[in-house]
Amino acid sequence: MKSGRAHGRRGLLRGLGLGKYEAAFRENEIDETVLPSLTHEKLKELGVTALGHRLKLLDAIAALR
């Protein structure tokens, strides 16, 4: 099941053109169960420094709910 979660995370990031963050999400064990808890501040901690990238991610996460 873990690989399915990783695939979903990769798919989300790649689908948004943000695949460069895959390693940070993997290293911090961010999967679909944690995604809804992400905030602007937490994304910054993960290294997502560009505001536009954070907004894209948060919008996509909200759409998954």
PDB file of N, CA and C in Angstrom:
ATOM      1  N   MET A   1       0.824  -1.197   0.000  1.00  0.00           N
ATOM      2  CA  MET A   1       0.000   0.000   0.000  1.00  0.00           C
ATOM      3  C   MET A   1       0.863   1.255   0.000  1.00  0.00           C
ATOM      4  N   LYS A   2       2.020   1.190   0.595  1.00  0.00           N
ATOM      5  CA  LYS A   2       2.884   2.362   0.646  1.00  0.00           C
ATOM      6  C   LYS A   2       3.224   2.871  -0.748  1.00  0.00           C
ATOM      7  N   SER A   3       3.472   1.971  -1.695  1.00  0.00           N
ATOM      8  CA  SER A   3       3.810   2.415  -3.043  1.00  0.00           C
ATOM      9  C   SER A   3       2.648   3.135  -3.708  1.00  0.00           C
ATOM     10  N   GLY A   4       1.422   2.754  -3.386  1.00  0.00           N
ATOM     11  CA  GLY A   4       0.259   3.440  -3.930  1.00  0.00           C
ATOM     12  C   GLY A   4       0.175   4.876  -3.441  1.00  0.00           C
ATOM     13  N   ARG A   5       0.523   5.065  -2.179  1.00  0.00           N
ATOM     14  CA  ARG A   5       0.518   6.417  -1.621  1.00  0.00           C
ATOM     15  C   ARG A   5       1.598   7.259  -2.276  1.00  0.00           C
ATOM     16  N   ALA A   6       2.762   6.642  -2.481  1.00  0.00           N
ATOM     17  CA  ALA A   6       3.859   7.375  -3.121  1.00  0.00           C
ATOM     18  C   ALA A   6       3.472   7.754  -4.538  1.00  0.00           C
ATOM     19  N   HIS A   7       2.828   6.851  -5.238  1.00  0.00           N
ATOM     20  CA  HIS A   7       2.416   7.129  -6.610  1.00  0.00           C
ATOM     21  C   HIS A   7       1.450   8.299  -6.642  1.00  0.00           C
ATOM     22  N   GLY A   8       0.507   8.354  -5.699  1.00  0.00           N
ATOM     23  CA  GLY A   8      -0.453   9.449  -5.646  1.00  0.00           C
ATOM     24  C   GLY A   8       0.215  10.787  -5.406  1.00  0.00           C
ATOM     25  N   ARG A   9       1.191  10.778  -4.513  1.00  0.00           N
ATOM     26  CA  ARG A   9       1.936  12.009  -4.211  1.00  0.00           C
ATOM     27  C   ARG A   9       2.726  12.452  -5.432  1.00  0.00           C
ATOM     28  N   ARG A  10       3.423  11.501  -6.062  1.00  0.00           N
ATOM     29  CA  ARG A  10       4.203  11.828  -7.266  1.00  0.00           C
ATOM     30  C   ARG A  10       3.289  12.332  -8.362  1.00  0.00           C
ATOM     31  N   GLY A  11       2.145  11.670  -8.521  1.00  0.00           N
ATOM     32  CA  GLY A  11       1.203  12.077  -9.560  1.00  0.00           C
ATOM     33  C   GLY A  11       0.698  13.488  -9.346  1.00  0.00           C
ATOM     34  N   LEU A  12       0.414  13.820  -8.107  1.00  0.00           N
ATOM     35  CA  LEU A  12      -0.054  15.170  -7.786  1.00  0.00           C
ATOM     36  C   LEU A  12       1.027  16.192  -8.112  1.00  0.00           C
ATOM     37  N   LEU A  13       2.229  15.951  -7.619  1.00  0.00           N
ATOM     38  CA  LEU A  13       3.317  16.898  -7.843  1.00  0.00           C
ATOM     39  C   LEU A  13       3.659  17.026  -9.319  1.00  0.00           C
ATOM     40  N   ARG A  14       3.774  15.907  -9.994  1.00  0.00           N
ATOM     41  CA  ARG A  14       4.108  15.949 -11.428  1.00  0.00           C
ATOM     42  C   ARG A  14       2.989  16.579 -12.242  1.00  0.00           C
ATOM     43  N   GLY A  15       1.755  16.290 -11.893  1.00  0.00           N
ATOM     44  CA  GLY A  15       0.619  16.853 -12.598  1.00  0.00           C
ATOM     45  C   GLY A  15       0.572  18.369 -12.512  1.00  0.00           C
ATOM     46  N   LEU A  16       1.122  18.901 -11.443  1.00  0.00           N
ATOM     47  CA  LEU A  16       1.166  20.351 -11.253  1.00  0.00           C
ATOM     48  C   LEU A  16       2.462  20.953 -11.786  1.00  0.00           C
ATOM     49  N   GLY A  17       3.335  20.093 -12.311  1.00  0.00           N
ATOM     50  CA  GLY A  17       4.630  20.574 -12.791  1.00  0.00           C
ATOM     51  C   GLY A  17       5.587  20.873 -11.644  1.00  0.00           C
ATOM     52  N   LEU A  18       5.376  20.215 -10.503  1.00  0.00           N
ATOM     53  CA  LEU A  18       6.167  20.482  -9.305  1.00  0.00           C
ATOM     54  C   LEU A  18       6.938  19.242  -8.848  1.00  0.00           C
ATOM     55  N   GLY A  19       7.332  18.424  -9.802  1.00  0.00           N
ATOM     56  CA  GLY A  19       8.056  17.197  -9.490  1.00  0.00           C
ATOM     57  C   GLY A  19       9.364  17.419  -8.750  1.00  0.00           C
ATOM     58  N   LYS A  20       9.897  18.628  -8.818  1.00  0.00           N
ATOM     59  CA  LYS A  20      11.168  18.891  -8.143  1.00  0.00           C
ATOM     60  C   LYS A  20      11.043  18.793  -6.620  1.00  0.00           C
ATOM     61  N   TYR A  21       9.819  18.762  -6.109  1.00  0.00           N
ATOM     62  CA  TYR A  21       9.606  18.648  -4.669  1.00  0.00           C
ATOM     63  C   TYR A  21       9.395  17.206  -4.211  1.00  0.00           C
ATOM     64  N   GLU A  22       9.413  16.255  -5.139  1.00  0.00           N
ATOM     65  CA  GLU A  22       9.160  14.858  -4.786  1.00  0.00           C
ATOM     66  C   GLU A  22      10.084  14.357  -3.688  1.00  0.00           C
ATOM     67  N   ALA A  23      11.370  14.650  -3.792  1.00  0.00           N
ATOM     68  CA  ALA A  23      12.328  14.167  -2.798  1.00  0.00           C
ATOM     69  C   ALA A  23      12.006  14.714  -1.410  1.00  0.00           C
ATOM     70  N   ALA A  24      11.670  15.989  -1.319  1.00  0.00           N
ATOM     71  CA  ALA A  24      11.349  16.593  -0.022  1.00  0.00           C
ATOM     72  C   ALA A  24      10.108  15.953   0.588  1.00  0.00           C
ATOM     73  N   PHE A  25       9.104  15.690  -0.238  1.00  0.00           N
ATOM     74  CA  PHE A  25       7.885  15.053   0.253  1.00  0.00           C
ATOM     75  C   PHE A  25       8.195  13.629   0.704  1.00  0.00           C
ATOM     76  N   ARG A  26       8.988  12.905  -0.065  1.00  0.00           N
ATOM     77  CA  ARG A  26       9.353  11.527   0.278  1.00  0.00           C
ATOM     78  C   ARG A  26      10.169  11.498   1.571  1.00  0.00           C
ATOM     79  N   GLU A  27      11.184  12.337   1.672  1.00  0.00           N
ATOM     80  CA  GLU A  27      12.059  12.362   2.848  1.00  0.00           C
ATOM     81  C   GLU A  27      11.303  12.730   4.124  1.00  0.00           C
ATOM     82  N   ASN A  28      10.246  13.505   3.982  1.00  0.00           N
ATOM     83  CA  ASN A  28       9.453  13.923   5.137  1.00  0.00           C
ATOM     84  C   ASN A  28       8.189  13.085   5.317  1.00  0.00           C
ATOM     85  N   GLU A  29       8.106  11.989   4.549  1.00  0.00           N
ATOM     86  CA  GLU A  29       7.000  11.035   4.649  1.00  0.00           C
ATOM     87  C   GLU A  29       5.634  11.698   4.484  1.00  0.00           C
ATOM     88  N   ILE A  30       5.548  12.589   3.501  1.00  0.00           N
ATOM     89  CA  ILE A  30       4.280  13.244   3.181  1.00  0.00           C
ATOM     90  C   ILE A  30       3.533  12.337   2.207  1.00  0.00           C
ATOM     91  N   ASP A  31       2.398  11.825   2.641  1.00  0.00           N
ATOM     92  CA  ASP A  31       1.564  11.001   1.772  1.00  0.00           C
ATOM     93  C   ASP A  31       0.148  11.573   1.779  1.00  0.00           C
ATOM     94  N   GLU A  32      -0.795  10.853   1.171  1.00  0.00           N
ATOM     95  CA  GLU A  32      -2.140  11.420   1.038  1.00  0.00           C
ATOM     96  C   GLU A  32      -2.839  11.593   2.382  1.00  0.00           C
ATOM     97  N   THR A  33      -2.387  10.891   3.417  1.00  0.00           N
ATOM     98  CA  THR A  33      -3.011  11.072   4.730  1.00  0.00           C
ATOM     99  C   THR A  33      -2.556  12.361   5.404  1.00  0.00           C
ATOM    100  N   VAL A  34      -1.392  12.877   5.001  1.00  0.00           N
ATOM    101  CA  VAL A  34      -0.831  14.088   5.589  1.00  0.00           C
ATOM    102  C   VAL A  34      -1.147  15.322   4.741  1.00  0.00           C
ATOM    103  N   LEU A  35      -1.366  15.131   3.454  1.00  0.00           N
ATOM    104  CA  LEU A  35      -1.591  16.262   2.552  1.00  0.00           C
ATOM    105  C   LEU A  35      -2.623  17.271   3.069  1.00  0.00           C
ATOM    106  N   PRO A  36      -3.776  16.822   3.581  1.00  0.00           N
ATOM    107  CA  PRO A  36      -4.771  17.808   4.028  1.00  0.00           C
ATOM    108  C   PRO A  36      -4.299  18.699   5.176  1.00  0.00           C
ATOM    109  N   SER A  37      -3.254  18.293   5.881  1.00  0.00           N
ATOM    110  CA  SER A  37      -2.738  19.071   7.008  1.00  0.00           C
ATOM    111  C   SER A  37      -1.717  20.119   6.596  1.00  0.00           C
ATOM    112  N   LEU A  38      -1.316  20.117   5.336  1.00  0.00           N
ATOM    113  CA  LEU A  38      -0.291  21.053   4.895  1.00  0.00           C
ATOM    114  C   LEU A  38      -0.834  22.481   4.831  1.00  0.00           C
ATOM    115  N   THR A  39      -0.004  23.405   5.239  1.00  0.00           N
ATOM    116  CA  THR A  39      -0.328  24.835   5.219  1.00  0.00           C
ATOM    117  C   THR A  39       0.787  25.550   4.469  1.00  0.00           C
ATOM    118  N   HIS A  40       0.606  26.848   4.235  1.00  0.00           N
ATOM    119  CA  HIS A  40       1.665  27.636   3.602  1.00  0.00           C
ATOM    120  C   HIS A  40       2.969  27.490   4.378  1.00  0.00           C
ATOM    121  N   GLU A  41       2.882  27.598   5.699  1.00  0.00           N
ATOM    122  CA  GLU A  41       4.082  27.550   6.539  1.00  0.00           C
ATOM    123  C   GLU A  41       4.758  26.180   6.466  1.00  0.00           C
ATOM    124  N   LYS A  42       3.967  25.124   6.511  1.00  0.00           N
ATOM    125  CA  LYS A  42       4.534  23.777   6.447  1.00  0.00           C
ATOM    126  C   LYS A  42       5.170  23.516   5.086  1.00  0.00           C
ATOM    127  N   LEU A  43       4.561  24.033   4.029  1.00  0.00           N
ATOM    128  CA  LEU A  43       5.149  23.880   2.697  1.00  0.00           C
ATOM    129  C   LEU A  43       6.478  24.618   2.611  1.00  0.00           C
ATOM    130  N   LYS A  44       6.566  25.785   3.247  1.00  0.00           N
ATOM    131  CA  LYS A  44       7.839  26.507   3.283  1.00  0.00           C
ATOM    132  C   LYS A  44       8.905  25.663   3.974  1.00  0.00           C
ATOM    133  N   GLU A  45       8.529  25.001   5.086  1.00  0.00           N
ATOM    134  CA  GLU A  45       9.462  24.139   5.805  1.00  0.00           C
ATOM    135  C   GLU A  45       9.948  22.996   4.921  1.00  0.00           C
ATOM    136  N   LEU A  46       9.095  22.543   4.010  1.00  0.00           N
ATOM    137  CA  LEU A  46       9.460  21.471   3.077  1.00  0.00           C
ATOM    138  C   LEU A  46      10.324  21.978   1.932  1.00  0.00           C
ATOM    139  N   GLY A  47      10.485  23.298   1.826  1.00  0.00           N
ATOM    140  CA  GLY A  47      11.312  23.857   0.772  1.00  0.00           C
ATOM    141  C   GLY A  47      10.542  24.414  -0.404  1.00  0.00           C
ATOM    142  N   VAL A  48       9.208  24.472  -0.280  1.00  0.00           N
ATOM    143  CA  VAL A  48       8.383  25.056  -1.336  1.00  0.00           C
ATOM    144  C   VAL A  48       8.323  26.561  -1.057  1.00  0.00           C
ATOM    145  N   THR A  49       9.323  27.280  -1.554  1.00  0.00           N
ATOM    146  CA  THR A  49       9.456  28.695  -1.206  1.00  0.00           C
ATOM    147  C   THR A  49       8.644  29.624  -2.102  1.00  0.00           C
ATOM    148  N   ALA A  50       8.369  29.215  -3.326  1.00  0.00           N
ATOM    149  CA  ALA A  50       7.632  30.076  -4.255  1.00  0.00           C
ATOM    150  C   ALA A  50       6.143  30.099  -3.878  1.00  0.00           C
ATOM    151  N   LEU A  51       5.619  31.289  -3.686  1.00  0.00           N
ATOM    152  CA  LEU A  51       4.211  31.443  -3.316  1.00  0.00           C
ATOM    153  C   LEU A  51       3.289  30.765  -4.326  1.00  0.00           C
ATOM    154  N   GLY A  52       3.570  30.941  -5.599  1.00  0.00           N
ATOM    155  CA  GLY A  52       2.730  30.328  -6.634  1.00  0.00           C
ATOM    156  C   GLY A  52       2.693  28.813  -6.522  1.00  0.00           C
ATOM    157  N   HIS A  53       3.809  28.205  -6.199  1.00  0.00           N
ATOM    158  CA  HIS A  53       3.860  26.749  -6.039  1.00  0.00           C
ATOM    159  C   HIS A  53       3.046  26.318  -4.821  1.00  0.00           C
ATOM    160  N   ARG A  54       3.147  27.074  -3.744  1.00  0.00           N
ATOM    161  CA  ARG A  54       2.358  26.744  -2.547  1.00  0.00           C
ATOM    162  C   ARG A  54       0.869  26.857  -2.840  1.00  0.00           C
ATOM    163  N   LEU A  55       0.481  27.913  -3.564  1.00  0.00           N
ATOM    164  CA  LEU A  55      -0.935  28.087  -3.895  1.00  0.00           C
ATOM    165  C   LEU A  55      -1.440  26.948  -4.777  1.00  0.00           C
ATOM    166  N   LYS A  56      -0.645  26.565  -5.778  1.00  0.00           N
ATOM    167  CA  LYS A  56      -1.031  25.442  -6.644  1.00  0.00           C
ATOM    168  C   LYS A  56      -1.247  24.177  -5.833  1.00  0.00           C
ATOM    169  N   LEU A  57      -0.297  23.890  -4.941  1.00  0.00           N
ATOM    170  CA  LEU A  57      -0.395  22.688  -4.121  1.00  0.00           C
ATOM    171  C   LEU A  57      -1.614  22.728  -3.207  1.00  0.00           C
ATOM    172  N   LEU A  58      -1.817  23.835  -2.530  1.00  0.00           N
ATOM    173  CA  LEU A  58      -2.945  23.930  -1.607  1.00  0.00           C
ATOM    174  C   LEU A  58      -4.282  23.850  -2.341  1.00  0.00           C
ATOM    175  N   ASP A  59      -4.374  24.442  -3.518  1.00  0.00           N
ATOM    176  CA  ASP A  59      -5.597  24.346  -4.315  1.00  0.00           C
ATOM    177  C   ASP A  59      -5.855  22.911  -4.746  1.00  0.00           C
ATOM    178  N   ALA A  60      -4.813  22.220  -5.176  1.00  0.00           N
ATOM    179  CA  ALA A  60      -4.958  20.826  -5.611  1.00  0.00           C
ATOM    180  C   ALA A  60      -5.324  19.928  -4.446  1.00  0.00           C
ATOM    181  N   ILE A  61      -4.737  20.174  -3.283  1.00  0.00           N
ATOM    182  CA  ILE A  61      -5.057  19.376  -2.093  1.00  0.00           C
ATOM    183  C   ILE A  61      -6.505  19.597  -1.699  1.00  0.00           C
ATOM    184  N   ALA A  62      -6.961  20.836  -1.743  1.00  0.00           N
ATOM    185  CA  ALA A  62      -8.351  21.141  -1.400  1.00  0.00           C
ATOM    186  C   ALA A  62      -9.319  20.445  -2.353  1.00  0.00           C
ATOM    187  N   ALA A  63      -8.943  20.338  -3.617  1.00  0.00           N
ATOM    188  CA  ALA A  63      -9.796  19.679  -4.606  1.00  0.00           C
ATOM    189  C   ALA A  63      -9.898  18.172  -4.366  1.00  0.00           C
ATOM    190  N   LEU A  64      -8.909  17.603  -3.682  1.00  0.00           N
ATOM    191  CA  LEU A  64      -8.923  16.165  -3.385  1.00  0.00           C
ATOM    192  C   LEU A  64      -9.890  15.816  -2.275  1.00  0.00           C
ATOM    193  N   ARG A  65     -10.256  16.774  -1.477  1.00  0.00           N
ATOM    194  CA  ARG A  65     -11.115  16.506  -0.322  1.00  0.00           C
ATOM    195  C   ARG A  65     -12.524  16.187  -0.703  1.00  0.00           C
TER     196      ARG A  65
END
